[in-house]
Amino acid sequence: MKGVAPFPRRRQKSYGYARLLTLSGALLFCFLLAVAAVQVFQHRRLQRELAAAEQRVSEYESRNREMAEEIARLHEPDYIELLARKLGLVKPGEIVYRLDD
């Protein structure tokens, strides 16, 4: 059997390209997952900041209304007289009686 050629060896398939593609896909997936997680946390933080800012705006609007009402009262003569009397002022000709406790 000297003249028979040896059985040709089959070339083994290389899985290097498939492994590289799988590894690249897995890394890309992990990267995108990390980016999504950061975005979710950032979104939640911004939502909390927005809620706090809206609360402050509401408080400022309330204070603004109160101040506008105070300004309107300051234009009324009766209110001005009430404030003056609280400060101890009297009209000309009035007599003040003070009682000490």
N, C-alpha and C. Protein backbone atom coordinates (compact mmCIF):
# COMPACT_ATOMS: atom_id res chain seq x y z
N MET A 1 0.79 -1.17 0.00
CA MET A 1 0.00 0.00 0.00
C MET A 1 0.85 1.26 0.00
N LYS A 2 1.81 1.08 -0.65
CA LYS A 2 2.72 2.15 -0.73
C LYS A 2 2.23 3.27 -1.64
N GLY A 3 1.45 2.97 -2.59
CA GLY A 3 1.03 3.96 -3.56
C GLY A 3 -0.22 4.73 -3.17
N VAL A 4 -0.79 4.44 -2.05
CA VAL A 4 -2.02 5.13 -1.66
C VAL A 4 -1.67 6.43 -0.96
N ALA A 5 -2.32 7.46 -1.40
CA ALA A 5 -2.06 8.79 -0.80
C ALA A 5 -2.75 8.88 0.55
N PRO A 6 -2.11 9.54 1.49
CA PRO A 6 -2.75 9.66 2.80
C PRO A 6 -4.03 10.48 2.70
N PHE A 7 -4.95 10.18 3.61
CA PHE A 7 -6.23 10.88 3.64
C PHE A 7 -5.97 12.36 3.93
N PRO A 8 -6.49 13.23 3.10
CA PRO A 8 -6.17 14.65 3.32
C PRO A 8 -6.78 15.15 4.64
N ARG A 9 -6.02 15.87 5.35
CA ARG A 9 -6.51 16.42 6.62
C ARG A 9 -7.43 17.58 6.33
N ARG A 10 -8.50 17.59 7.07
CA ARG A 10 -9.44 18.71 6.92
C ARG A 10 -8.96 19.86 7.77
N ARG A 11 -9.08 20.98 7.20
CA ARG A 11 -8.66 22.17 7.94
C ARG A 11 -9.69 22.47 9.00
N GLN A 12 -9.24 22.65 10.21
CA GLN A 12 -10.17 22.93 11.30
C GLN A 12 -10.71 24.35 11.14
N LYS A 13 -12.02 24.49 11.41
CA LYS A 13 -12.64 25.81 11.29
C LYS A 13 -12.15 26.69 12.43
N SER A 14 -11.90 27.91 12.10
CA SER A 14 -11.46 28.87 13.10
C SER A 14 -12.67 29.65 13.61
N TYR A 15 -12.84 29.63 14.89
CA TYR A 15 -13.94 30.36 15.49
C TYR A 15 -13.50 31.73 16.00
N GLY A 16 -12.34 32.19 15.64
CA GLY A 16 -11.80 33.46 16.11
C GLY A 16 -12.67 34.64 15.71
N TYR A 17 -13.13 34.64 14.45
CA TYR A 17 -13.96 35.75 13.97
C TYR A 17 -15.30 35.75 14.70
N ALA A 18 -15.90 34.60 14.89
CA ALA A 18 -17.19 34.51 15.58
C ALA A 18 -17.04 34.92 17.04
N ARG A 19 -15.94 34.50 17.65
CA ARG A 19 -15.70 34.88 19.05
C ARG A 19 -15.51 36.39 19.17
N LEU A 20 -14.76 36.97 18.25
CA LEU A 20 -14.53 38.41 18.27
C LEU A 20 -15.85 39.17 18.08
N LEU A 21 -16.67 38.68 17.17
CA LEU A 21 -17.95 39.32 16.92
C LEU A 21 -18.87 39.19 18.14
N THR A 22 -18.89 38.04 18.78
CA THR A 22 -19.70 37.84 19.97
C THR A 22 -19.22 38.71 21.12
N LEU A 23 -17.91 38.76 21.32
CA LEU A 23 -17.34 39.58 22.38
C LEU A 23 -17.63 41.06 22.13
N SER A 24 -17.48 41.49 20.88
CA SER A 24 -17.78 42.88 20.54
C SER A 24 -19.25 43.21 20.80
N GLY A 25 -20.12 42.29 20.44
CA GLY A 25 -21.55 42.49 20.69
C GLY A 25 -21.87 42.57 22.18
N ALA A 26 -21.23 41.70 22.95
CA ALA A 26 -21.46 41.70 24.40
C ALA A 26 -20.96 42.99 25.02
N LEU A 27 -19.78 43.45 24.59
CA LEU A 27 -19.24 44.71 25.12
C LEU A 27 -20.13 45.89 24.72
N LEU A 28 -20.60 45.90 23.50
CA LEU A 28 -21.50 46.97 23.05
C LEU A 28 -22.79 46.96 23.86
N PHE A 29 -23.31 45.77 24.11
CA PHE A 29 -24.53 45.66 24.91
C PHE A 29 -24.30 46.19 26.33
N CYS A 30 -23.17 45.82 26.94
CA CYS A 30 -22.87 46.31 28.29
C CYS A 30 -22.70 47.82 28.30
N PHE A 31 -22.04 48.35 27.29
CA PHE A 31 -21.86 49.80 27.21
C PHE A 31 -23.21 50.51 27.09
N LEU A 32 -24.06 50.02 26.21
CA LEU A 32 -25.37 50.64 26.04
C LEU A 32 -26.23 50.50 27.30
N LEU A 33 -26.10 49.39 27.99
CA LEU A 33 -26.81 49.20 29.25
C LEU A 33 -26.34 50.21 30.30
N ALA A 34 -25.02 50.42 30.37
CA ALA A 34 -24.47 51.40 31.32
C ALA A 34 -24.93 52.80 30.97
N VAL A 35 -24.94 53.15 29.69
CA VAL A 35 -25.40 54.48 29.27
C VAL A 35 -26.88 54.66 29.62
N ALA A 36 -27.67 53.63 29.40
CA ALA A 36 -29.10 53.72 29.73
C ALA A 36 -29.29 53.88 31.23
N ALA A 37 -28.51 53.17 32.03
CA ALA A 37 -28.64 53.29 33.49
C ALA A 37 -28.28 54.71 33.95
N VAL A 38 -27.21 55.27 33.39
CA VAL A 38 -26.83 56.65 33.74
C VAL A 38 -27.94 57.61 33.35
N GLN A 39 -28.53 57.41 32.20
CA GLN A 39 -29.61 58.28 31.74
C GLN A 39 -30.83 58.19 32.65
N VAL A 40 -31.14 57.00 33.12
CA VAL A 40 -32.29 56.82 34.01
C VAL A 40 -32.04 57.56 35.33
N PHE A 41 -30.85 57.41 35.89
CA PHE A 41 -30.54 58.11 37.14
C PHE A 41 -30.55 59.62 36.95
N GLN A 42 -30.02 60.07 35.84
CA GLN A 42 -30.00 61.50 35.56
C GLN A 42 -31.43 62.03 35.37
N HIS A 43 -32.28 61.26 34.73
CA HIS A 43 -33.67 61.65 34.53
C HIS A 43 -34.38 61.78 35.88
N ARG A 44 -34.16 60.82 36.75
CA ARG A 44 -34.79 60.87 38.09
C ARG A 44 -34.30 62.08 38.88
N ARG A 45 -33.00 62.38 38.80
CA ARG A 45 -32.46 63.54 39.50
C ARG A 45 -33.07 64.83 38.96
N LEU A 46 -33.19 64.91 37.65
CA LEU A 46 -33.79 66.11 37.05
C LEU A 46 -35.26 66.24 37.41
N GLN A 47 -35.96 65.12 37.52
CA GLN A 47 -37.37 65.16 37.93
C GLN A 47 -37.49 65.70 39.35
N ARG A 48 -36.59 65.26 40.24
CA ARG A 48 -36.61 65.78 41.62
C ARG A 48 -36.30 67.27 41.64
N GLU A 49 -35.33 67.70 40.85
CA GLU A 49 -34.99 69.12 40.80
C GLU A 49 -36.15 69.93 40.24
N LEU A 50 -36.83 69.40 39.25
CA LEU A 50 -37.98 70.10 38.67
C LEU A 50 -39.09 70.24 39.70
N ALA A 51 -39.36 69.18 40.45
CA ALA A 51 -40.41 69.25 41.47
C ALA A 51 -40.06 70.27 42.54
N ALA A 52 -38.78 70.32 42.94
CA ALA A 52 -38.36 71.31 43.95
C ALA A 52 -38.48 72.72 43.40
N ALA A 53 -38.11 72.92 42.15
CA ALA A 53 -38.21 74.24 41.54
C ALA A 53 -39.67 74.68 41.42
N GLU A 54 -40.54 73.74 41.05
CA GLU A 54 -41.97 74.08 40.96
C GLU A 54 -42.53 74.44 42.33
N GLN A 55 -42.06 73.76 43.37
CA GLN A 55 -42.50 74.07 44.73
C GLN A 55 -42.06 75.48 45.12
N ARG A 56 -40.79 75.82 44.80
CA ARG A 56 -40.30 77.17 45.11
C ARG A 56 -41.08 78.23 44.35
N VAL A 57 -41.39 77.96 43.08
CA VAL A 57 -42.17 78.92 42.29
C VAL A 57 -43.54 79.12 42.92
N SER A 58 -44.15 78.05 43.37
CA SER A 58 -45.46 78.14 44.01
C SER A 58 -45.37 79.00 45.28
N GLU A 59 -44.32 78.79 46.08
CA GLU A 59 -44.15 79.59 47.29
C GLU A 59 -43.93 81.06 46.96
N TYR A 60 -43.12 81.33 45.93
CA TYR A 60 -42.86 82.72 45.54
C TYR A 60 -44.12 83.39 45.02
N GLU A 61 -44.93 82.65 44.28
CA GLU A 61 -46.18 83.23 43.78
C GLU A 61 -47.12 83.55 44.94
N SER A 62 -47.15 82.69 45.93
CA SER A 62 -47.99 82.93 47.11
C SER A 62 -47.51 84.17 47.85
N ARG A 63 -46.20 84.28 48.06
CA ARG A 63 -45.66 85.46 48.73
C ARG A 63 -45.91 86.72 47.91
N ASN A 64 -45.84 86.61 46.60
CA ASN A 64 -46.10 87.75 45.73
C ASN A 64 -47.54 88.23 45.87
N ARG A 65 -48.48 87.28 45.93
CA ARG A 65 -49.90 87.66 46.12
C ARG A 65 -50.09 88.36 47.46
N GLU A 66 -49.46 87.81 48.52
CA GLU A 66 -49.59 88.42 49.84
C GLU A 66 -49.03 89.84 49.84
N MET A 67 -47.90 90.05 49.19
CA MET A 67 -47.30 91.38 49.14
C MET A 67 -48.16 92.34 48.31
N ALA A 68 -48.75 91.85 47.24
CA ALA A 68 -49.63 92.70 46.43
C ALA A 68 -50.85 93.12 47.25
N GLU A 69 -51.38 92.19 48.05
CA GLU A 69 -52.51 92.54 48.92
C GLU A 69 -52.09 93.56 49.97
N GLU A 70 -50.89 93.41 50.52
CA GLU A 70 -50.39 94.38 51.52
C GLU A 70 -50.21 95.76 50.89
N ILE A 71 -49.70 95.79 49.67
CA ILE A 71 -49.55 97.07 48.97
C ILE A 71 -50.91 97.72 48.74
N ALA A 72 -51.89 96.91 48.34
CA ALA A 72 -53.23 97.47 48.13
C ALA A 72 -53.80 98.01 49.44
N ARG A 73 -53.57 97.31 50.56
CA ARG A 73 -54.06 97.81 51.85
C ARG A 73 -53.35 99.08 52.27
N LEU A 74 -52.09 99.22 51.92
CA LEU A 74 -51.34 100.42 52.29
C LEU A 74 -51.85 101.68 51.60
N HIS A 75 -52.65 101.53 50.60
CA HIS A 75 -53.27 102.68 49.92
C HIS A 75 -54.60 103.06 50.55
N GLU A 76 -55.07 102.29 51.51
CA GLU A 76 -56.34 102.58 52.18
C GLU A 76 -56.07 103.42 53.43
N PRO A 77 -56.77 104.54 53.60
CA PRO A 77 -56.54 105.41 54.77
C PRO A 77 -56.83 104.71 56.10
N ASP A 78 -57.84 103.86 56.15
CA ASP A 78 -58.17 103.19 57.41
C ASP A 78 -57.03 102.26 57.86
N TYR A 79 -56.42 101.57 56.93
CA TYR A 79 -55.34 100.66 57.27
C TYR A 79 -54.11 101.45 57.73
N ILE A 80 -53.83 102.56 57.06
CA ILE A 80 -52.71 103.40 57.46
C ILE A 80 -52.92 103.91 58.89
N GLU A 81 -54.16 104.32 59.19
CA GLU A 81 -54.47 104.80 60.54
C GLU A 81 -54.27 103.68 61.57
N LEU A 82 -54.70 102.48 61.24
CA LEU A 82 -54.54 101.34 62.15
C LEU A 82 -53.05 101.09 62.43
N LEU A 83 -52.21 101.11 61.39
CA LEU A 83 -50.77 100.91 61.59
C LEU A 83 -50.17 102.04 62.43
N ALA A 84 -50.62 103.28 62.20
CA ALA A 84 -50.11 104.41 62.97
C ALA A 84 -50.48 104.27 64.44
N ARG A 85 -51.69 103.84 64.72
CA ARG A 85 -52.11 103.68 66.12
C ARG A 85 -51.35 102.54 66.79
N LYS A 86 -51.00 101.49 66.02
CA LYS A 86 -50.18 100.42 66.60
C LYS A 86 -48.80 100.93 66.99
N LEU A 87 -48.32 101.93 66.28
CA LEU A 87 -47.02 102.52 66.59
C LEU A 87 -47.11 103.55 67.73
N GLY A 88 -48.34 103.82 68.18
CA GLY A 88 -48.52 104.75 69.29
C GLY A 88 -48.79 106.18 68.86
N LEU A 89 -49.05 106.40 67.62
CA LEU A 89 -49.34 107.74 67.13
C LEU A 89 -50.80 108.09 67.40
N VAL A 90 -51.08 109.37 67.62
CA VAL A 90 -52.45 109.83 67.87
C VAL A 90 -52.73 111.01 66.95
N LYS A 91 -54.02 111.25 66.75
CA LYS A 91 -54.43 112.40 65.94
C LYS A 91 -54.31 113.66 66.79
N PRO A 92 -54.13 114.77 66.14
CA PRO A 92 -54.07 116.02 66.90
C PRO A 92 -55.37 116.24 67.68
N GLY A 93 -55.23 116.61 68.95
CA GLY A 93 -56.38 116.87 69.80
C GLY A 93 -56.85 115.66 70.59
N GLU A 94 -56.36 114.46 70.31
CA GLU A 94 -56.77 113.28 71.06
C GLU A 94 -55.97 113.21 72.36
N ILE A 95 -56.59 112.63 73.34
CA ILE A 95 -55.94 112.42 74.63
C ILE A 95 -55.75 110.92 74.81
N VAL A 96 -54.53 110.54 75.18
CA VAL A 96 -54.21 109.12 75.35
C VAL A 96 -54.13 108.80 76.81
N TYR A 97 -54.84 107.77 77.21
CA TYR A 97 -54.78 107.28 78.58
C TYR A 97 -54.05 105.94 78.55
N ARG A 98 -53.00 105.80 79.30
CA ARG A 98 -52.24 104.55 79.36
C ARG A 98 -52.47 103.93 80.71
N LEU A 99 -52.78 102.67 80.71
CA LEU A 99 -52.96 101.92 81.94
C LEU A 99 -51.83 100.90 82.06
N ASP A 100 -51.09 100.98 83.12
CA ASP A 100 -50.02 100.02 83.34
C ASP A 100 -50.56 98.85 84.14
N ASP A 101 -50.25 97.67 83.73
CA ASP A 101 -50.73 96.46 84.43
C ASP A 101 -49.86 96.13 85.59
